[in-house]
Amino acid sequence: MDRVVYLNNLYDCYKELFTDKQKVYFEDYYFNNLSLSEIAENYGVSRNAVFNQLKIIEEKLTELEKKLNLLEKRERIIKLLNGRIDEKVLDEIKSIL
């Protein structure tokens, strides 16, 4: 799986464990495709500060998944249910997971 997609999926599972600032940096970088320099300029911090926060977030996401396996479990459940239940119900289950 592409690393960016993987990180985005992990973020969907664990985003509530991050500070508001970390969420903004992550979303600006990975969802809004802003550069480190653009994010730094928008929030009045150094490019290095943004880079360091993104590294911390990425490491924490990976560590959380190693310990809790929420993304892996979610994907296994969806795979098991896919094709066996109504698409609308599957979408509801995905939103819960």
PDB file of N, CA and C in Angstrom:
ATOM      1  N   MET A   1       0.850  -1.176   0.000  1.00  0.00           N
ATOM      2  CA  MET A   1       0.000   0.000   0.000  1.00  0.00           C
ATOM      3  C   MET A   1       0.897   1.240   0.000  1.00  0.00           C
ATOM      4  N   ASP A   2       0.539   2.205  -0.778  1.00  0.00           N
ATOM      5  CA  ASP A   2       1.282   3.454  -0.841  1.00  0.00           C
ATOM      6  C   ASP A   2       1.397   4.066   0.557  1.00  0.00           C
ATOM      7  N   ARG A   3       2.558   4.575   0.888  1.00  0.00           N
ATOM      8  CA  ARG A   3       2.804   5.103   2.239  1.00  0.00           C
ATOM      9  C   ARG A   3       1.845   6.231   2.610  1.00  0.00           C
ATOM     10  N   VAL A   4       1.564   7.124   1.682  1.00  0.00           N
ATOM     11  CA  VAL A   4       0.664   8.244   1.969  1.00  0.00           C
ATOM     12  C   VAL A   4      -0.747   7.734   2.261  1.00  0.00           C
ATOM     13  N   VAL A   5      -1.219   6.792   1.473  1.00  0.00           N
ATOM     14  CA  VAL A   5      -2.546   6.214   1.703  1.00  0.00           C
ATOM     15  C   VAL A   5      -2.554   5.496   3.051  1.00  0.00           C
ATOM     16  N   TYR A   6      -1.489   4.765   3.329  1.00  0.00           N
ATOM     17  CA  TYR A   6      -1.373   4.044   4.598  1.00  0.00           C
ATOM     18  C   TYR A   6      -1.422   5.018   5.779  1.00  0.00           C
ATOM     19  N   LEU A   7      -0.654   6.104   5.704  1.00  0.00           N
ATOM     20  CA  LEU A   7      -0.655   7.099   6.775  1.00  0.00           C
ATOM     21  C   LEU A   7      -2.019   7.759   6.924  1.00  0.00           C
ATOM     22  N   ASN A   8      -2.670   8.047   5.802  1.00  0.00           N
ATOM     23  CA  ASN A   8      -4.008   8.644   5.864  1.00  0.00           C
ATOM     24  C   ASN A   8      -5.003   7.698   6.540  1.00  0.00           C
ATOM     25  N   ASN A   9      -4.916   6.423   6.221  1.00  0.00           N
ATOM     26  CA  ASN A   9      -5.797   5.441   6.851  1.00  0.00           C
ATOM     27  C   ASN A   9      -5.515   5.315   8.345  1.00  0.00           C
ATOM     28  N   LEU A  10      -4.240   5.318   8.702  1.00  0.00           N
ATOM     29  CA  LEU A  10      -3.890   5.289  10.121  1.00  0.00           C
ATOM     30  C   LEU A  10      -4.410   6.531  10.829  1.00  0.00           C
ATOM     31  N   TYR A  11      -4.269   7.663  10.178  1.00  0.00           N
ATOM     32  CA  TYR A  11      -4.729   8.925  10.761  1.00  0.00           C
ATOM     33  C   TYR A  11      -6.236   8.882  11.014  1.00  0.00           C
ATOM     34  N   ASP A  12      -6.981   8.296  10.092  1.00  0.00           N
ATOM     35  CA  ASP A  12      -8.432   8.157  10.287  1.00  0.00           C
ATOM     36  C   ASP A  12      -8.741   7.377  11.564  1.00  0.00           C
ATOM     37  N   CYS A  13      -7.922   6.393  11.878  1.00  0.00           N
ATOM     38  CA  CYS A  13      -8.144   5.571  13.073  1.00  0.00           C
ATOM     39  C   CYS A  13      -7.723   6.272  14.362  1.00  0.00           C
ATOM     40  N   TYR A  14      -6.639   7.021  14.305  1.00  0.00           N
ATOM     41  CA  TYR A  14      -6.006   7.508  15.535  1.00  0.00           C
ATOM     42  C   TYR A  14      -5.965   9.026  15.685  1.00  0.00           C
ATOM     43  N   LYS A  15      -6.614   9.773  14.812  1.00  0.00           N
ATOM     44  CA  LYS A  15      -6.455  11.232  14.819  1.00  0.00           C
ATOM     45  C   LYS A  15      -6.846  11.907  16.134  1.00  0.00           C
ATOM     46  N   GLU A  16      -7.759  11.337  16.863  1.00  0.00           N
ATOM     47  CA  GLU A  16      -8.203  11.964  18.111  1.00  0.00           C
ATOM     48  C   GLU A  16      -7.122  11.931  19.194  1.00  0.00           C
ATOM     49  N   LEU A  17      -6.043  11.231  18.961  1.00  0.00           N
ATOM     50  CA  LEU A  17      -4.963  11.142  19.938  1.00  0.00           C
ATOM     51  C   LEU A  17      -3.901  12.222  19.747  1.00  0.00           C
ATOM     52  N   PHE A  18      -4.108  13.093  18.772  1.00  0.00           N
ATOM     53  CA  PHE A  18      -3.145  14.140  18.469  1.00  0.00           C
ATOM     54  C   PHE A  18      -3.662  15.513  18.887  1.00  0.00           C
ATOM     55  N   THR A  19      -2.727  16.434  19.056  1.00  0.00           N
ATOM     56  CA  THR A  19      -3.104  17.801  19.407  1.00  0.00           C
ATOM     57  C   THR A  19      -3.735  18.482  18.196  1.00  0.00           C
ATOM     58  N   ASP A  20      -4.428  19.583  18.447  1.00  0.00           N
ATOM     59  CA  ASP A  20      -5.037  20.333  17.344  1.00  0.00           C
ATOM     60  C   ASP A  20      -3.982  20.801  16.353  1.00  0.00           C
ATOM     61  N   LYS A  21      -2.838  21.249  16.847  1.00  0.00           N
ATOM     62  CA  LYS A  21      -1.764  21.723  15.973  1.00  0.00           C
ATOM     63  C   LYS A  21      -1.242  20.579  15.100  1.00  0.00           C
ATOM     64  N   GLN A  22      -1.060  19.413  15.703  1.00  0.00           N
ATOM     65  CA  GLN A  22      -0.586  18.263  14.937  1.00  0.00           C
ATOM     66  C   GLN A  22      -1.596  17.875  13.863  1.00  0.00           C
ATOM     67  N   LYS A  23      -2.876  17.918  14.201  1.00  0.00           N
ATOM     68  CA  LYS A  23      -3.920  17.597  13.223  1.00  0.00           C
ATOM     69  C   LYS A  23      -3.875  18.563  12.044  1.00  0.00           C
ATOM     70  N   VAL A  24      -3.721  19.851  12.343  1.00  0.00           N
ATOM     71  CA  VAL A  24      -3.682  20.863  11.282  1.00  0.00           C
ATOM     72  C   VAL A  24      -2.483  20.630  10.366  1.00  0.00           C
ATOM     73  N   TYR A  25      -1.305  20.409  10.945  1.00  0.00           N
ATOM     74  CA  TYR A  25      -0.107  20.174  10.135  1.00  0.00           C
ATOM     75  C   TYR A  25      -0.281  18.938   9.265  1.00  0.00           C
ATOM     76  N   PHE A  26      -0.751  17.860   9.867  1.00  0.00           N
ATOM     77  CA  PHE A  26      -0.925  16.611   9.117  1.00  0.00           C
ATOM     78  C   PHE A  26      -1.925  16.802   7.983  1.00  0.00           C
ATOM     79  N   GLU A  27      -3.054  17.383   8.274  1.00  0.00           N
ATOM     80  CA  GLU A  27      -4.098  17.565   7.254  1.00  0.00           C
ATOM     81  C   GLU A  27      -3.657  18.522   6.160  1.00  0.00           C
ATOM     82  N   ASP A  28      -2.968  19.592   6.532  1.00  0.00           N
ATOM     83  CA  ASP A  28      -2.467  20.515   5.509  1.00  0.00           C
ATOM     84  C   ASP A  28      -1.459  19.824   4.604  1.00  0.00           C
ATOM     85  N   TYR A  29      -0.595  19.021   5.182  1.00  0.00           N
ATOM     86  CA  TYR A  29       0.446  18.362   4.394  1.00  0.00           C
ATOM     87  C   TYR A  29      -0.105  17.200   3.569  1.00  0.00           C
ATOM     88  N   TYR A  30      -0.866  16.318   4.187  1.00  0.00           N
ATOM     89  CA  TYR A  30      -1.305  15.106   3.501  1.00  0.00           C
ATOM     90  C   TYR A  30      -2.647  15.239   2.779  1.00  0.00           C
ATOM     91  N   PHE A  31      -3.546  16.060   3.275  1.00  0.00           N
ATOM     92  CA  PHE A  31      -4.855  16.190   2.630  1.00  0.00           C
ATOM     93  C   PHE A  31      -4.904  17.380   1.673  1.00  0.00           C
ATOM     94  N   ASN A  32      -4.291  18.484   2.080  1.00  0.00           N
ATOM     95  CA  ASN A  32      -4.362  19.711   1.282  1.00  0.00           C
ATOM     96  C   ASN A  32      -3.139  19.930   0.399  1.00  0.00           C
ATOM     97  N   ASN A  33      -2.173  19.017   0.468  1.00  0.00           N
ATOM     98  CA  ASN A  33      -0.966  19.042  -0.360  1.00  0.00           C
ATOM     99  C   ASN A  33      -0.171  20.344  -0.254  1.00  0.00           C
ATOM    100  N   LEU A  34      -0.151  20.925   0.936  1.00  0.00           N
ATOM    101  CA  LEU A  34       0.675  22.108   1.141  1.00  0.00           C
ATOM    102  C   LEU A  34       2.104  21.668   1.418  1.00  0.00           C
ATOM    103  N   SER A  35       3.057  22.485   1.016  1.00  0.00           N
ATOM    104  CA  SER A  35       4.460  22.178   1.286  1.00  0.00           C
ATOM    105  C   SER A  35       4.786  22.527   2.730  1.00  0.00           C
ATOM    106  N   LEU A  36       5.929  22.045   3.190  1.00  0.00           N
ATOM    107  CA  LEU A  36       6.369  22.374   4.544  1.00  0.00           C
ATOM    108  C   LEU A  36       6.519  23.881   4.704  1.00  0.00           C
ATOM    109  N   SER A  37       7.045  24.530   3.685  1.00  0.00           N
ATOM    110  CA  SER A  37       7.232  25.977   3.732  1.00  0.00           C
ATOM    111  C   SER A  37       5.906  26.724   3.800  1.00  0.00           C
ATOM    112  N   GLU A  38       4.926  26.262   3.046  1.00  0.00           N
ATOM    113  CA  GLU A  38       3.605  26.906   3.067  1.00  0.00           C
ATOM    114  C   GLU A  38       2.950  26.762   4.436  1.00  0.00           C
ATOM    115  N   ILE A  39       3.054  25.584   5.018  1.00  0.00           N
ATOM    116  CA  ILE A  39       2.471  25.355   6.340  1.00  0.00           C
ATOM    117  C   ILE A  39       3.179  26.233   7.373  1.00  0.00           C
ATOM    118  N   ALA A  40       4.503  26.261   7.302  1.00  0.00           N
ATOM    119  CA  ALA A  40       5.288  27.072   8.239  1.00  0.00           C
ATOM    120  C   ALA A  40       4.899  28.543   8.136  1.00  0.00           C
ATOM    121  N   GLU A  41       4.757  29.026   6.934  1.00  0.00           N
ATOM    122  CA  GLU A  41       4.379  30.426   6.723  1.00  0.00           C
ATOM    123  C   GLU A  41       2.971  30.706   7.253  1.00  0.00           C
ATOM    124  N   ASN A  42       2.045  29.786   7.020  1.00  0.00           N
ATOM    125  CA  ASN A  42       0.661  29.970   7.471  1.00  0.00           C
ATOM    126  C   ASN A  42       0.547  30.070   8.987  1.00  0.00           C
ATOM    127  N   TYR A  43       1.423  29.370   9.708  1.00  0.00           N
ATOM    128  CA  TYR A  43       1.306  29.310  11.167  1.00  0.00           C
ATOM    129  C   TYR A  43       2.439  30.014  11.902  1.00  0.00           C
ATOM    130  N   GLY A  44       3.291  30.694  11.163  1.00  0.00           N
ATOM    131  CA  GLY A  44       4.348  31.487  11.777  1.00  0.00           C
ATOM    132  C   GLY A  44       5.376  30.669  12.537  1.00  0.00           C
ATOM    133  N   VAL A  45       5.706  29.505  11.993  1.00  0.00           N
ATOM    134  CA  VAL A  45       6.723  28.647  12.605  1.00  0.00           C
ATOM    135  C   VAL A  45       7.772  28.316  11.547  1.00  0.00           C
ATOM    136  N   SER A  46       8.835  27.676  11.964  1.00  0.00           N
ATOM    137  CA  SER A  46       9.872  27.311  11.008  1.00  0.00           C
ATOM    138  C   SER A  46       9.465  26.071  10.221  1.00  0.00           C
ATOM    139  N   ARG A  47      10.057  25.938   9.074  1.00  0.00           N
ATOM    140  CA  ARG A  47       9.826  24.761   8.245  1.00  0.00           C
ATOM    141  C   ARG A  47      10.262  23.507   8.994  1.00  0.00           C
ATOM    142  N   ASN A  48      11.363  23.634   9.734  1.00  0.00           N
ATOM    143  CA  ASN A  48      11.892  22.517  10.502  1.00  0.00           C
ATOM    144  C   ASN A  48      10.916  22.084  11.606  1.00  0.00           C
ATOM    145  N   ALA A  49      10.226  23.044  12.209  1.00  0.00           N
ATOM    146  CA  ALA A  49       9.242  22.712  13.253  1.00  0.00           C
ATOM    147  C   ALA A  49       8.107  21.878  12.668  1.00  0.00           C
ATOM    148  N   VAL A  50       7.653  22.251  11.484  1.00  0.00           N
ATOM    149  CA  VAL A  50       6.583  21.488  10.816  1.00  0.00           C
ATOM    150  C   VAL A  50       7.095  20.096  10.468  1.00  0.00           C
ATOM    151  N   PHE A  51       8.277  20.024   9.902  1.00  0.00           N
ATOM    152  CA  PHE A  51       8.880  18.742   9.541  1.00  0.00           C
ATOM    153  C   PHE A  51       8.976  17.826  10.761  1.00  0.00           C
ATOM    154  N   ASN A  52       9.473  18.370  11.873  1.00  0.00           N
ATOM    155  CA  ASN A  52       9.618  17.570  13.096  1.00  0.00           C
ATOM    156  C   ASN A  52       8.276  17.068  13.607  1.00  0.00           C
ATOM    157  N   GLN A  53       7.254  17.917  13.576  1.00  0.00           N
ATOM    158  CA  GLN A  53       5.929  17.501  14.028  1.00  0.00           C
ATOM    159  C   GLN A  53       5.376  16.388  13.137  1.00  0.00           C
ATOM    160  N   LEU A  54       5.556  16.514  11.839  1.00  0.00           N
ATOM    161  CA  LEU A  54       5.075  15.475  10.917  1.00  0.00           C
ATOM    162  C   LEU A  54       5.790  14.147  11.182  1.00  0.00           C
ATOM    163  N   LYS A  55       7.085  14.199  11.443  1.00  0.00           N
ATOM    164  CA  LYS A  55       7.831  12.979  11.757  1.00  0.00           C
ATOM    165  C   LYS A  55       7.311  12.347  13.047  1.00  0.00           C
ATOM    166  N   ILE A  56       7.053  13.168  14.054  1.00  0.00           N
ATOM    167  CA  ILE A  56       6.521  12.672  15.321  1.00  0.00           C
ATOM    168  C   ILE A  56       5.170  11.992  15.098  1.00  0.00           C
ATOM    169  N   ILE A  57       4.317  12.637  14.312  1.00  0.00           N
ATOM    170  CA  ILE A  57       2.994  12.079  14.027  1.00  0.00           C
ATOM    171  C   ILE A  57       3.120  10.751  13.294  1.00  0.00           C
ATOM    172  N   GLU A  58       3.944  10.712  12.261  1.00  0.00           N
ATOM    173  CA  GLU A  58       4.125   9.481  11.487  1.00  0.00           C
ATOM    174  C   GLU A  58       4.634   8.342  12.375  1.00  0.00           C
ATOM    175  N   GLU A  59       5.599   8.636  13.218  1.00  0.00           N
ATOM    176  CA  GLU A  59       6.140   7.607  14.109  1.00  0.00           C
ATOM    177  C   GLU A  59       5.088   7.136  15.108  1.00  0.00           C
ATOM    178  N   LYS A  60       4.321   8.079  15.640  1.00  0.00           N
ATOM    179  CA  LYS A  60       3.289   7.713  16.614  1.00  0.00           C
ATOM    180  C   LYS A  60       2.188   6.885  15.946  1.00  0.00           C
ATOM    181  N   LEU A  61       1.808   7.247  14.718  1.00  0.00           N
ATOM    182  CA  LEU A  61       0.801   6.469  13.992  1.00  0.00           C
ATOM    183  C   LEU A  61       1.262   5.033  13.801  1.00  0.00           C
ATOM    184  N   THR A  62       2.494   4.873  13.383  1.00  0.00           N
ATOM    185  CA  THR A  62       3.059   3.544  13.159  1.00  0.00           C
ATOM    186  C   THR A  62       3.126   2.755  14.461  1.00  0.00           C
ATOM    187  N   GLU A  63       3.560   3.413  15.528  1.00  0.00           N
ATOM    188  CA  GLU A  63       3.655   2.764  16.836  1.00  0.00           C
ATOM    189  C   GLU A  63       2.275   2.346  17.354  1.00  0.00           C
ATOM    190  N   LEU A  64       1.290   3.223  17.205  1.00  0.00           N
ATOM    191  CA  LEU A  64      -0.062   2.897  17.651  1.00  0.00           C
ATOM    192  C   LEU A  64      -0.619   1.697  16.899  1.00  0.00           C
ATOM    193  N   GLU A  65      -0.395   1.663  15.599  1.00  0.00           N
ATOM    194  CA  GLU A  65      -0.905   0.545  14.808  1.00  0.00           C
ATOM    195  C   GLU A  65      -0.219  -0.763  15.186  1.00  0.00           C
ATOM    196  N   LYS A  66       1.076  -0.706  15.481  1.00  0.00           N
ATOM    197  CA  LYS A  66       1.786  -1.916  15.910  1.00  0.00           C
ATOM    198  C   LYS A  66       1.193  -2.466  17.200  1.00  0.00           C
ATOM    199  N   LYS A  67       0.780  -1.572  18.087  1.00  0.00           N
ATOM    200  CA  LYS A  67       0.266  -1.998  19.383  1.00  0.00           C
ATOM    201  C   LYS A  67      -1.215  -2.357  19.345  1.00  0.00           C
ATOM    202  N   LEU A  68      -2.006  -1.593  18.610  1.00  0.00           N
ATOM    203  CA  LEU A  68      -3.461  -1.755  18.655  1.00  0.00           C
ATOM    204  C   LEU A  68      -4.075  -2.450  17.443  1.00  0.00           C
ATOM    205  N   ASN A  69      -3.414  -2.367  16.311  1.00  0.00           N
ATOM    206  CA  ASN A  69      -3.876  -3.007  15.073  1.00  0.00           C
ATOM    207  C   ASN A  69      -5.288  -2.618  14.642  1.00  0.00           C
ATOM    208  N   LEU A  70      -5.709  -1.408  14.925  1.00  0.00           N
ATOM    209  CA  LEU A  70      -7.073  -1.001  14.567  1.00  0.00           C
ATOM    210  C   LEU A  70      -7.299  -0.987  13.058  1.00  0.00           C
ATOM    211  N   LEU A  71      -6.334  -0.478  12.308  1.00  0.00           N
ATOM    212  CA  LEU A  71      -6.486  -0.431  10.853  1.00  0.00           C
ATOM    213  C   LEU A  71      -6.537  -1.840  10.274  1.00  0.00           C
ATOM    214  N   GLU A  72      -5.657  -2.687  10.727  1.00  0.00           N
ATOM    215  CA  GLU A  72      -5.635  -4.072  10.241  1.00  0.00           C
ATOM    216  C   GLU A  72      -6.976  -4.766  10.533  1.00  0.00           C
ATOM    217  N   LYS A  73      -7.478  -4.600  11.740  1.00  0.00           N
ATOM    218  CA  LYS A  73      -8.749  -5.213  12.115  1.00  0.00           C
ATOM    219  C   LYS A  73      -9.891  -4.648  11.285  1.00  0.00           C
ATOM    220  N   ARG A  74      -9.873  -3.350  11.080  1.00  0.00           N
ATOM    221  CA  ARG A  74     -10.911  -2.690  10.270  1.00  0.00           C
ATOM    222  C   ARG A  74     -10.926  -3.258   8.859  1.00  0.00           C
ATOM    223  N   GLU A  75      -9.747  -3.364   8.264  1.00  0.00           N
ATOM    224  CA  GLU A  75      -9.649  -3.876   6.892  1.00  0.00           C
ATOM    225  C   GLU A  75     -10.082  -5.332   6.803  1.00  0.00           C
ATOM    226  N   ARG A  76      -9.753  -6.122   7.799  1.00  0.00           N
ATOM    227  CA  ARG A  76     -10.175  -7.530   7.812  1.00  0.00           C
ATOM    228  C   ARG A  76     -11.694  -7.650   7.921  1.00  0.00           C
ATOM    229  N   ILE A  77     -12.311  -6.840   8.765  1.00  0.00           N
ATOM    230  CA  ILE A  77     -13.771  -6.866   8.922  1.00  0.00           C
ATOM    231  C   ILE A  77     -14.450  -6.464   7.625  1.00  0.00           C
ATOM    232  N   ILE A  78     -13.975  -5.390   7.009  1.00  0.00           N
ATOM    233  CA  ILE A  78     -14.569  -4.923   5.750  1.00  0.00           C
ATOM    234  C   ILE A  78     -14.418  -5.977   4.663  1.00  0.00           C
ATOM    235  N   LYS A  79     -13.254  -6.618   4.609  1.00  0.00           N
ATOM    236  CA  LYS A  79     -13.023  -7.672   3.617  1.00  0.00           C
ATOM    237  C   LYS A  79     -13.995  -8.842   3.817  1.00  0.00           C
ATOM    238  N   LEU A  80     -14.204  -9.211   5.070  1.00  0.00           N
ATOM    239  CA  LEU A  80     -15.135 -10.304   5.371  1.00  0.00           C
ATOM    240  C   LEU A  80     -16.570  -9.960   4.981  1.00  0.00           C
ATOM    241  N   LEU A  81     -16.951  -8.716   5.193  1.00  0.00           N
ATOM    242  CA  LEU A  81     -18.328  -8.299   4.937  1.00  0.00           C
ATOM    243  C   LEU A  81     -18.582  -7.931   3.478  1.00  0.00           C
ATOM    244  N   ASN A  82     -17.546  -7.558   2.789  1.00  0.00           N
ATOM    245  CA  ASN A  82     -17.692  -7.095   1.408  1.00  0.00           C
ATOM    246  C   ASN A  82     -18.322  -8.175   0.532  1.00  0.00           C
ATOM    247  N   GLY A  83     -19.393  -7.806  -0.140  1.00  0.00           N
ATOM    248  CA  GLY A  83     -20.085  -8.729  -1.016  1.00  0.00           C
ATOM    249  C   GLY A  83     -21.107  -9.597  -0.330  1.00  0.00           C
ATOM    250  N   ARG A  84     -21.120  -9.584   0.987  1.00  0.00           N
ATOM    251  CA  ARG A  84     -22.049 -10.426   1.730  1.00  0.00           C
ATOM    252  C   ARG A  84     -23.238  -9.647   2.274  1.00  0.00           C
ATOM    253  N   ILE A  85     -23.103  -8.356   2.298  1.00  0.00           N
ATOM    254  CA  ILE A  85     -24.198  -7.538   2.821  1.00  0.00           C
ATOM    255  C   ILE A  85     -24.475  -6.379   1.878  1.00  0.00           C
ATOM    256  N   ASP A  86     -25.595  -5.750   2.091  1.00  0.00           N
ATOM    257  CA  ASP A  86     -26.024  -4.603   1.298  1.00  0.00           C
ATOM    258  C   ASP A  86     -24.959  -3.503   1.348  1.00  0.00           C
ATOM    259  N   GLU A  87     -24.743  -2.838   0.222  1.00  0.00           N
ATOM    260  CA  GLU A  87     -23.733  -1.783   0.120  1.00  0.00           C
ATOM    261  C   GLU A  87     -23.978  -0.647   1.114  1.00  0.00           C
ATOM    262  N   LYS A  88     -25.235  -0.308   1.330  1.00  0.00           N
ATOM    263  CA  LYS A  88     -25.578   0.762   2.273  1.00  0.00           C
ATOM    264  C   LYS A  88     -25.170   0.367   3.696  1.00  0.00           C
ATOM    265  N   VAL A  89     -25.414  -0.873   4.062  1.00  0.00           N
ATOM    266  CA  VAL A  89     -25.035  -1.363   5.385  1.00  0.00           C
ATOM    267  C   VAL A  89     -23.512  -1.389   5.514  1.00  0.00           C
ATOM    268  N   LEU A  90     -22.823  -1.815   4.455  1.00  0.00           N
ATOM    269  CA  LEU A  90     -21.367  -1.835   4.466  1.00  0.00           C
ATOM    270  C   LEU A  90     -20.817  -0.433   4.668  1.00  0.00           C
ATOM    271  N   ASP A  91     -21.398   0.552   4.003  1.00  0.00           N
ATOM    272  CA  ASP A  91     -20.956   1.938   4.166  1.00  0.00           C
ATOM    273  C   ASP A  91     -21.160   2.419   5.602  1.00  0.00           C
ATOM    274  N   GLU A  92     -22.260   2.038   6.207  1.00  0.00           N
ATOM    275  CA  GLU A  92     -22.525   2.404   7.611  1.00  0.00           C
ATOM    276  C   GLU A  92     -21.484   1.762   8.539  1.00  0.00           C
ATOM    277  N   ILE A  93     -21.178   0.509   8.277  1.00  0.00           N
ATOM    278  CA  ILE A  93     -20.173  -0.190   9.088  1.00  0.00           C
ATOM    279  C   ILE A  93     -18.813   0.472   8.930  1.00  0.00           C
ATOM    280  N   LYS A  94     -18.457   0.851   7.702  1.00  0.00           N
ATOM    281  CA  LYS A  94     -17.190   1.535   7.464  1.00  0.00           C
ATOM    282  C   LYS A  94     -17.129   2.841   8.241  1.00  0.00           C
ATOM    283  N   SER A  95     -18.218   3.561   8.297  1.00  0.00           N
ATOM    284  CA  SER A  95     -18.214   4.830   9.019  1.00  0.00           C
ATOM    285  C   SER A  95     -18.062   4.627  10.532  1.00  0.00           C
ATOM    286  N   ILE A  96     -18.540   3.507  11.031  1.00  0.00           N
ATOM    287  CA  ILE A  96     -18.386   3.200  12.455  1.00  0.00           C
ATOM    288  C   ILE A  96     -16.955   2.794  12.768  1.00  0.00           C
ATOM    289  N   LEU A  97     -16.382   1.991  11.882  1.00  0.00           N
ATOM    290  CA  LEU A  97     -15.030   1.497  12.097  1.00  0.00           C
ATOM    291  C   LEU A  97     -14.033   2.590  11.823  1.00  0.00           C
TER     292      LEU A  97
END
